[in-house]
Protein backbone atom coordinates (compact mmCIF):
# COMPACT_ATOMS: atom_id res chain seq x y z
CA MET A 1 0.01 -0.01 0.01
CA SER A 2 1.42 3.35 -1.06
CA ARG A 3 1.87 5.92 1.71
CA ASN A 4 2.46 8.71 -0.85
CA LYS A 5 -1.13 9.57 -1.62
CA ILE A 6 -1.88 12.97 -3.05
CA GLN A 7 -4.30 14.68 -0.68
CA VAL A 8 -6.00 16.66 -3.47
CA PRO A 9 -6.68 14.30 -6.39
CA GLU A 10 -7.10 17.25 -8.77
CA ALA A 11 -3.44 18.14 -8.17
CA LYS A 12 -2.07 14.82 -9.49
CA ALA A 13 -1.24 16.15 -12.98
CA ALA A 14 0.49 19.22 -11.52
CA MET A 15 2.55 17.05 -9.17
CA GLU A 16 3.61 14.78 -12.03
CA GLN A 17 4.69 17.84 -14.04
CA PHE A 18 6.55 19.21 -11.01
CA LYS A 19 8.37 15.88 -10.59
CA MET A 20 9.35 15.81 -14.26
CA GLU A 21 10.69 19.37 -14.06
CA ALA A 22 12.70 18.55 -10.90
CA ALA A 23 14.11 15.41 -12.56
CA ASN A 24 15.11 17.40 -15.61
CA GLU A 25 16.88 20.00 -13.41
CA VAL A 26 19.05 17.31 -11.77
CA GLY A 27 19.67 15.39 -14.98
CA VAL A 28 17.52 12.34 -14.28
CA THR A 29 15.42 10.98 -17.12
CA LEU A 30 11.99 9.86 -16.02
CA LYS A 31 9.29 8.29 -18.14
CA GLN A 32 5.56 8.53 -17.61
CA GLY A 33 4.32 5.93 -15.10
CA TYR A 34 6.54 3.55 -13.18
CA ASN A 35 10.23 4.43 -12.85
CA GLY A 36 11.48 1.50 -10.77
CA ASP A 37 14.58 1.23 -12.92
CA ILE A 38 16.23 4.39 -11.57
CA THR A 39 18.72 4.19 -8.73
CA ALA A 40 17.99 5.23 -5.17
CA LYS A 41 20.51 8.03 -5.60
CA GLN A 42 18.63 9.33 -8.66
CA ALA A 43 15.26 9.07 -6.90
CA GLY A 44 16.69 10.93 -3.91
CA SER A 45 18.04 13.64 -6.16
CA VAL A 46 14.61 14.17 -7.68
CA GLY A 47 12.87 14.20 -4.30
CA GLY A 48 15.51 16.50 -2.85
CA GLN A 49 15.12 18.92 -5.73
CA MET A 50 11.35 18.92 -5.27
CA VAL A 51 11.71 19.76 -1.57
CA LYS A 52 14.29 22.46 -2.35
CA LYS A 53 11.90 24.12 -4.82
CA MET A 54 8.97 23.91 -2.37
CA ILE A 55 11.03 25.55 0.36
CA GLU A 56 12.23 28.27 -2.01
CA ASP A 57 8.61 28.94 -3.04
CA TYR A 58 7.45 29.09 0.60
CA GLU A 59 10.26 31.44 1.59
CA SER A 60 9.55 33.76 -1.31
CA ARG A 61 5.89 33.98 -0.26
CA MET A 62 6.93 34.95 3.26
CA LYS A 63 8.68 38.14 2.05
């Protein structure tokens, strides 16, 4: 059972696009759907980039 459920189902497409953009920024090639063939390091890079971008966005809104 996946613990990574999107809380707002309408946001699924936007989150997928965000993930693809983050992957592109760190040089990881993702395909639509399942990406179980990437390494843990690559997956961590993508996730880390997503968190970095979310923090930057939040901080910019606080100004």
